[in-house]
PDB file of N, CA and C in Angstrom:
ATOM      1  N   UNK A   1     -15.624 -11.416  -7.752  1.00  0.00           N
ATOM      2  CA  UNK A   1     -16.099 -10.110  -7.339  1.00  0.00           C
ATOM      3  C   UNK A   1     -15.606  -9.764  -5.932  1.00  0.00           C
ATOM      4  N   UNK A   2     -15.585 -10.765  -5.063  1.00  0.00           N
ATOM      5  CA  UNK A   2     -15.132 -10.523  -3.693  1.00  0.00           C
ATOM      6  C   UNK A   2     -13.645 -10.180  -3.658  1.00  0.00           C
ATOM      7  N   UNK A   3     -12.877 -10.806  -4.545  1.00  0.00           N
ATOM      8  CA  UNK A   3     -11.438 -10.532  -4.597  1.00  0.00           C
ATOM      9  C   UNK A   3     -11.197  -9.094  -5.023  1.00  0.00           C
ATOM     10  N   UNK A   4     -11.928  -8.642  -6.020  1.00  0.00           N
ATOM     11  CA  UNK A   4     -11.763  -7.275  -6.505  1.00  0.00           C
ATOM     12  C   UNK A   4     -12.168  -6.257  -5.441  1.00  0.00           C
ATOM     13  N   UNK A   5     -13.259  -6.520  -4.750  1.00  0.00           N
ATOM     14  CA  UNK A   5     -13.715  -5.617  -3.696  1.00  0.00           C
ATOM     15  C   UNK A   5     -12.699  -5.537  -2.557  1.00  0.00           C
ATOM     16  N   UNK A   6     -12.200  -6.694  -2.132  1.00  0.00           N
ATOM     17  CA  UNK A   6     -11.198  -6.717  -1.057  1.00  0.00           C
ATOM     18  C   UNK A   6      -9.929  -5.991  -1.484  1.00  0.00           C
ATOM     19  N   UNK A   7      -9.532  -6.175  -2.732  1.00  0.00           N
ATOM     20  CA  UNK A   7      -8.333  -5.512  -3.239  1.00  0.00           C
ATOM     21  C   UNK A   7      -8.506  -4.002  -3.287  1.00  0.00           C
ATOM     22  N   UNK A   8      -9.672  -3.541  -3.728  1.00  0.00           N
ATOM     23  CA  UNK A   8      -9.912  -2.101  -3.824  1.00  0.00           C
ATOM     24  C   UNK A   8      -9.901  -1.458  -2.436  1.00  0.00           C
ATOM     25  N   UNK A   9     -10.578  -2.077  -1.481  1.00  0.00           N
ATOM     26  CA  UNK A   9     -10.594  -1.497  -0.138  1.00  0.00           C
ATOM     27  C   UNK A   9      -9.207  -1.517   0.502  1.00  0.00           C
ATOM     28  N   UNK A  10      -8.452  -2.567   0.281  1.00  0.00           N
ATOM     29  CA  UNK A  10      -7.093  -2.612   0.818  1.00  0.00           C
ATOM     30  C   UNK A  10      -6.199  -1.577   0.143  1.00  0.00           C
ATOM     31  N   UNK A  11      -6.377  -1.381  -1.150  1.00  0.00           N
ATOM     32  CA  UNK A  11      -5.584  -0.375  -1.864  1.00  0.00           C
ATOM     33  C   UNK A  11      -5.904   1.029  -1.363  1.00  0.00           C
ATOM     34  N   UNK A  12      -7.170   1.271  -1.045  1.00  0.00           N
ATOM     35  CA  UNK A  12      -7.542   2.578  -0.483  1.00  0.00           C
ATOM     36  C   UNK A  12      -6.853   2.795   0.856  1.00  0.00           C
ATOM     37  N   UNK A  13      -6.828   1.774   1.700  1.00  0.00           N
ATOM     38  CA  UNK A  13      -6.157   1.884   2.998  1.00  0.00           C
ATOM     39  C   UNK A  13      -4.666   2.116   2.812  1.00  0.00           C
ATOM     40  N   UNK A  14      -4.055   1.434   1.863  1.00  0.00           N
ATOM     41  CA  UNK A  14      -2.622   1.615   1.600  1.00  0.00           C
ATOM     42  C   UNK A  14      -2.355   3.024   1.095  1.00  0.00           C
ATOM     43  N   UNK A  15      -3.200   3.540   0.212  1.00  0.00           N
ATOM     44  CA  UNK A  15      -3.020   4.913  -0.297  1.00  0.00           C
ATOM     45  C   UNK A  15      -3.122   5.937   0.822  1.00  0.00           C
ATOM     46  N   UNK A  16      -4.085   5.766   1.706  1.00  0.00           N
ATOM     47  CA  UNK A  16      -4.226   6.687   2.837  1.00  0.00           C
ATOM     48  C   UNK A  16      -2.980   6.632   3.724  1.00  0.00           C
ATOM     49  N   UNK A  17      -2.465   5.430   3.948  1.00  0.00           N
ATOM     50  CA  UNK A  17      -1.264   5.276   4.778  1.00  0.00           C
ATOM     51  C   UNK A  17      -0.056   5.946   4.132  1.00  0.00           C
ATOM     52  N   UNK A  18       0.133   5.707   2.845  1.00  0.00           N
ATOM     53  CA  UNK A  18       1.284   6.298   2.149  1.00  0.00           C
ATOM     54  C   UNK A  18       1.175   7.821   2.127  1.00  0.00           C
ATOM     55  N   UNK A  19      -0.012   8.348   1.874  1.00  0.00           N
ATOM     56  CA  UNK A  19      -0.177   9.802   1.871  1.00  0.00           C
ATOM     57  C   UNK A  19       0.087  10.400   3.249  1.00  0.00           C
ATOM     58  N   UNK A  20      -0.290   9.698   4.303  1.00  0.00           N
ATOM     59  CA  UNK A  20      -0.006  10.179   5.660  1.00  0.00           C
ATOM     60  C   UNK A  20       1.489  10.197   5.934  1.00  0.00           C
ATOM     61  N   UNK A  21       2.188   9.160   5.482  1.00  0.00           N
ATOM     62  CA  UNK A  21       3.640   9.119   5.675  1.00  0.00           C
ATOM     63  C   UNK A  21       4.315  10.240   4.896  1.00  0.00           C
ATOM     64  N   UNK A  22       3.838  10.508   3.690  1.00  0.00           N
ATOM     65  CA  UNK A  22       4.412  11.596   2.880  1.00  0.00           C
ATOM     66  C   UNK A  22       4.160  12.947   3.555  1.00  0.00           C
ATOM     67  N   UNK A  23       2.997  13.121   4.171  1.00  0.00           N
ATOM     68  CA  UNK A  23       2.728  14.365   4.904  1.00  0.00           C
ATOM     69  C   UNK A  23       3.704  14.539   6.057  1.00  0.00           C
ATOM     70  N   UNK A  24       3.979  13.450   6.767  1.00  0.00           N
ATOM     71  CA  UNK A  24       4.933  13.516   7.876  1.00  0.00           C
ATOM     72  C   UNK A  24       6.329  13.851   7.358  1.00  0.00           C
ATOM     73  N   UNK A  25       6.718  13.249   6.239  1.00  0.00           N
ATOM     74  CA  UNK A  25       8.020  13.569   5.652  1.00  0.00           C
ATOM     75  C   UNK A  25       8.087  15.029   5.214  1.00  0.00           C
ATOM     76  N   UNK A  26       6.987  15.550   4.676  1.00  0.00           N
ATOM     77  CA  UNK A  26       6.954  16.956   4.265  1.00  0.00           C
ATOM     78  C   UNK A  26       7.127  17.875   5.471  1.00  0.00           C
ATOM     79  N   UNK A  27       6.497  17.544   6.571  1.00  0.00           N
ATOM     80  CA  UNK A  27       6.644  18.343   7.800  1.00  0.00           C
ATOM     81  C   UNK A  27       8.093  18.310   8.270  1.00  0.00           C
ATOM     82  N   UNK A  28       8.692  17.112   8.242  1.00  0.00           N
ATOM     83  CA  UNK A  28      10.098  16.993   8.634  1.00  0.00           C
ATOM     84  C   UNK A  28      11.023  17.769   7.725  1.00  0.00           C
ATOM     85  N   UNK A  29      10.713  17.792   6.435  1.00  0.00           N
ATOM     86  CA  UNK A  29      11.534  18.546   5.498  1.00  0.00           C
ATOM     87  C   UNK A  29      11.405  20.043   5.737  1.00  0.00           C
ATOM     88  N   UNK A  30      10.183  20.514   5.969  1.00  0.00           N
ATOM     89  CA  UNK A  30       9.978  21.948   6.208  1.00  0.00           C
ATOM     90  C   UNK A  30      10.664  22.416   7.483  1.00  0.00           C
ATOM     91  N   UNK A  31      10.722  21.564   8.481  1.00  0.00           N
ATOM     92  CA  UNK A  31      11.389  21.922   9.742  1.00  0.00           C
ATOM     93  C   UNK A  31      12.909  21.812   9.643  1.00  0.00           C
ATOM     94  N   UNK A  32      13.381  21.233   8.556  1.00  0.00           N
ATOM     95  CA  UNK A  32      14.816  21.088   8.383  1.00  0.00           C
ATOM     96  C   UNK A  32      15.384  19.853   9.058  1.00  0.00           C
ATOM     97  N   UNK A  33      14.526  18.907   9.439  1.00  0.00           N
ATOM     98  CA  UNK A  33      14.997  17.709  10.126  1.00  0.00           C
ATOM     99  C   UNK A  33      15.538  16.662   9.162  1.00  0.00           C
ATOM    100  N   UNK A  34      15.085  16.702   7.897  1.00  0.00           N
ATOM    101  CA  UNK A  34      15.619  15.797   6.881  1.00  0.00           C
ATOM    102  C   UNK A  34      16.010  16.623   5.658  1.00  0.00           C
ATOM    103  N   UNK A  35      16.981  16.114   4.926  1.00  0.00           N
ATOM    104  CA  UNK A  35      17.463  16.842   3.744  1.00  0.00           C
ATOM    105  C   UNK A  35      16.529  16.610   2.558  1.00  0.00           C
ATOM    106  N   UNK A  36      16.742  17.385   1.506  1.00  0.00           N
ATOM    107  CA  UNK A  36      15.929  17.271   0.302  1.00  0.00           C
ATOM    108  C   UNK A  36      16.133  15.907  -0.346  1.00  0.00           C
ATOM    109  N   UNK A  37      17.358  15.434  -0.371  1.00  0.00           N
ATOM    110  CA  UNK A  37      17.649  14.140  -0.977  1.00  0.00           C
ATOM    111  C   UNK A  37      16.940  13.017  -0.216  1.00  0.00           C
ATOM    112  N   UNK A  38      17.034  13.068   1.111  1.00  0.00           N
ATOM    113  CA  UNK A  38      16.385  12.041   1.924  1.00  0.00           C
ATOM    114  C   UNK A  38      14.871  12.107   1.754  1.00  0.00           C
ATOM    115  N   UNK A  39      14.322  13.304   1.656  1.00  0.00           N
ATOM    116  CA  UNK A  39      12.886  13.478   1.443  1.00  0.00           C
ATOM    117  C   UNK A  39      12.455  12.848   0.118  1.00  0.00           C
ATOM    118  N   UNK A  40      13.212  13.123  -0.927  1.00  0.00           N
ATOM    119  CA  UNK A  40      12.873  12.576  -2.240  1.00  0.00           C
ATOM    120  C   UNK A  40      12.995  11.055  -2.273  1.00  0.00           C
ATOM    121  N   UNK A  41      14.076  10.545  -1.691  1.00  0.00           N
ATOM    122  CA  UNK A  41      14.295   9.095  -1.696  1.00  0.00           C
ATOM    123  C   UNK A  41      13.211   8.381  -0.904  1.00  0.00           C
ATOM    124  N   UNK A  42      12.908   8.866   0.285  1.00  0.00           N
ATOM    125  CA  UNK A  42      11.903   8.219   1.112  1.00  0.00           C
ATOM    126  C   UNK A  42      10.502   8.326   0.513  1.00  0.00           C
ATOM    127  N   UNK A  43      10.171   9.493  -0.022  1.00  0.00           N
ATOM    128  CA  UNK A  43       8.859   9.662  -0.643  1.00  0.00           C
ATOM    129  C   UNK A  43       8.699   8.724  -1.838  1.00  0.00           C
ATOM    130  N   UNK A  44       9.708   8.675  -2.698  1.00  0.00           N
ATOM    131  CA  UNK A  44       9.649   7.802  -3.864  1.00  0.00           C
ATOM    132  C   UNK A  44       9.570   6.340  -3.467  1.00  0.00           C
ATOM    133  N   UNK A  45      10.346   5.940  -2.460  1.00  0.00           N
ATOM    134  CA  UNK A  45      10.334   4.537  -2.057  1.00  0.00           C
ATOM    135  C   UNK A  45       9.003   4.150  -1.413  1.00  0.00           C
ATOM    136  N   UNK A  46       8.435   5.014  -0.577  1.00  0.00           N
ATOM    137  CA  UNK A  46       7.146   4.690   0.035  1.00  0.00           C
ATOM    138  C   UNK A  46       6.040   4.591  -1.010  1.00  0.00           C
ATOM    139  N   UNK A  47       6.045   5.487  -1.983  1.00  0.00           N
ATOM    140  CA  UNK A  47       5.034   5.427  -3.040  1.00  0.00           C
ATOM    141  C   UNK A  47       5.228   4.169  -3.883  1.00  0.00           C
ATOM    142  N   UNK A  48       6.460   3.852  -4.218  1.00  0.00           N
ATOM    143  CA  UNK A  48       6.734   2.648  -5.008  1.00  0.00           C
ATOM    144  C   UNK A  48       6.359   1.366  -4.287  1.00  0.00           C
ATOM    145  N   UNK A  49       6.687   1.299  -3.005  1.00  0.00           N
ATOM    146  CA  UNK A  49       6.345   0.118  -2.218  1.00  0.00           C
ATOM    147  C   UNK A  49       4.830  -0.001  -2.072  1.00  0.00           C
ATOM    148  N   UNK A  50       4.159   1.117  -1.863  1.00  0.00           N
ATOM    149  CA  UNK A  50       2.704   1.099  -1.748  1.00  0.00           C
ATOM    150  C   UNK A  50       2.032   0.611  -3.018  1.00  0.00           C
ATOM    151  N   UNK A  51       2.507   1.072  -4.164  1.00  0.00           N
ATOM    152  CA  UNK A  51       1.945   0.628  -5.440  1.00  0.00           C
ATOM    153  C   UNK A  51       2.224  -0.854  -5.656  1.00  0.00           C
ATOM    154  N   UNK A  52       3.426  -1.297  -5.317  1.00  0.00           N
ATOM    155  CA  UNK A  52       3.768  -2.717  -5.472  1.00  0.00           C
ATOM    156  C   UNK A  52       2.876  -3.601  -4.612  1.00  0.00           C
ATOM    157  N   UNK A  53       2.668  -3.205  -3.388  1.00  0.00           N
ATOM    158  CA  UNK A  53       1.817  -3.986  -2.493  1.00  0.00           C
ATOM    159  C   UNK A  53       0.381  -3.988  -2.985  1.00  0.00           C
ATOM    160  N   UNK A  54      -0.103  -2.841  -3.439  1.00  0.00           N
ATOM    161  CA  UNK A  54      -1.487  -2.761  -3.921  1.00  0.00           C
ATOM    162  C   UNK A  54      -1.702  -3.668  -5.136  1.00  0.00           C
ATOM    163  N   UNK A  55      -0.735  -3.724  -6.047  1.00  0.00           N
ATOM    164  CA  UNK A  55      -0.877  -4.614  -7.196  1.00  0.00           C
ATOM    165  C   UNK A  55      -0.720  -6.072  -6.798  1.00  0.00           C
ATOM    166  N   UNK A  56       0.137  -6.350  -5.842  1.00  0.00           N
ATOM    167  CA  UNK A  56       0.350  -7.724  -5.390  1.00  0.00           C
ATOM    168  C   UNK A  56      -0.797  -8.287  -4.572  1.00  0.00           C
ATOM    169  N   UNK A  57      -1.598  -7.411  -3.988  1.00  0.00           N
ATOM    170  CA  UNK A  57      -2.711  -7.875  -3.172  1.00  0.00           C
ATOM    171  C   UNK A  57      -3.728  -8.673  -3.966  1.00  0.00           C
ATOM    172  N   UNK A  58      -3.942  -8.306  -5.205  1.00  0.00           N
ATOM    173  CA  UNK A  58      -4.934  -9.008  -6.012  1.00  0.00           C
ATOM    174  C   UNK A  58      -4.598 -10.496  -6.106  1.00  0.00           C
ATOM    175  N   UNK A  59      -3.346 -10.803  -6.391  1.00  0.00           N
ATOM    176  CA  UNK A  59      -2.946 -12.201  -6.543  1.00  0.00           C
ATOM    177  C   UNK A  59      -2.963 -12.930  -5.199  1.00  0.00           C
ATOM    178  N   UNK A  60      -2.571 -12.230  -4.137  1.00  0.00           N
ATOM    179  CA  UNK A  60      -2.625 -12.836  -2.811  1.00  0.00           C
ATOM    180  C   UNK A  60      -4.046 -13.117  -2.361  1.00  0.00           C
ATOM    181  N   UNK A  61      -4.933 -12.170  -2.581  1.00  0.00           N
ATOM    182  CA  UNK A  61      -6.340 -12.375  -2.221  1.00  0.00           C
ATOM    183  C   UNK A  61      -6.983 -13.465  -3.068  1.00  0.00           C
ATOM    184  N   UNK A  62      -6.608 -13.520  -4.343  1.00  0.00           N
ATOM    185  CA  UNK A  62      -7.179 -14.553  -5.211  1.00  0.00           C
ATOM    186  C   UNK A  62      -6.812 -15.945  -4.704  1.00  0.00           C
ATOM    187  N   UNK A  63      -5.544 -16.127  -4.344  1.00  0.00           N
ATOM    188  CA  UNK A  63      -5.115 -17.420  -3.805  1.00  0.00           C
ATOM    189  C   UNK A  63      -5.799 -17.723  -2.474  1.00  0.00           C
ATOM    190  N   UNK A  64      -5.905 -16.712  -1.627  1.00  0.00           N
ATOM    191  CA  UNK A  64      -6.535 -16.900  -0.324  1.00  0.00           C
ATOM    192  C   UNK A  64      -8.005 -17.279  -0.471  1.00  0.00           C
ATOM    193  N   UNK A  65      -8.718 -16.604  -1.354  1.00  0.00           N
ATOM    194  CA  UNK A  65     -10.125 -16.918  -1.570  1.00  0.00           C
ATOM    195  C   UNK A  65     -10.300 -18.301  -2.200  1.00  0.00           C
ATOM    196  N   UNK A  66      -9.372 -18.712  -3.065  1.00  0.00           N
ATOM    197  CA  UNK A  66      -9.440 -20.059  -3.636  1.00  0.00           C
ATOM    198  C   UNK A  66      -9.246 -21.115  -2.569  1.00  0.00           C
ATOM    199  N   UNK A  67      -8.335 -20.850  -1.643  1.00  0.00           N
ATOM    200  CA  UNK A  67      -8.098 -21.815  -0.557  1.00  0.00           C
ATOM    201  C   UNK A  67      -9.313 -21.891   0.353  1.00  0.00           C
ATOM    202  N   UNK A  68      -9.839 -20.735   0.732  1.00  0.00           N
ATOM    203  CA  UNK A  68     -10.983 -20.714   1.662  1.00  0.00           C
ATOM    204  C   UNK A  68     -12.226 -21.282   0.997  1.00  0.00           C
ATOM    205  N   UNK A  69     -12.556 -20.823  -0.183  1.00  0.00           N
ATOM    206  CA  UNK A  69     -13.774 -21.295  -0.855  1.00  0.00           C
ATOM    207  C   UNK A  69     -13.619 -22.713  -1.391  1.00  0.00           C
ATOM    208  N   UNK A  70     -12.413 -23.072  -1.763  1.00  0.00           N
ATOM    209  CA  UNK A  70     -12.176 -24.449  -2.233  1.00  0.00           C
ATOM    210  C   UNK A  70     -12.306 -25.452  -1.108  1.00  0.00           C
ATOM    211  N   UNK A  71     -11.860 -25.082   0.089  1.00  0.00           N
ATOM    212  CA  UNK A  71     -11.957 -25.979   1.237  1.00  0.00           C
ATOM    213  C   UNK A  71     -13.397 -26.114   1.720  1.00  0.00           C
ATOM    214  N   UNK A  72     -14.194 -25.059   1.583  1.00  0.00           N
ATOM    215  CA  UNK A  72     -15.571 -25.125   2.049  1.00  0.00           C
ATOM    216  C   UNK A  72     -16.479 -25.860   1.073  1.00  0.00           C
ATOM    217  N   UNK A  73     -16.078 -25.965  -0.203  1.00  0.00           N
ATOM    218  CA  UNK A  73     -16.900 -26.660  -1.192  1.00  0.00           C
ATOM    219  C   UNK A  73     -16.763 -28.166  -1.104  1.00  0.00           C
ATOM    220  N   UNK A  74     -15.684 -28.667  -0.543  1.00  0.00           N
ATOM    221  CA  UNK A  74     -15.468 -30.115  -0.464  1.00  0.00           C
ATOM    222  C   UNK A  74     -16.217 -30.752   0.643  1.00  0.00           C
TER     223      UNK A  74
END
């Protein structure tokens, strides 16, 4: 249960971060500082990386909690 809770809260933080970065990219695109292609590539890559990290966190947290709780039980 603790692993799932930690994963959900971390995923929320990652989503907020990715959405903030996309907002900044949108502002840059509207001002003409970045091209449409660069906007699309960066937006897609940030969203993809964010989703990958959010899914990978579950396995990382599970291992971390096993190490911490396993060491305290001995």
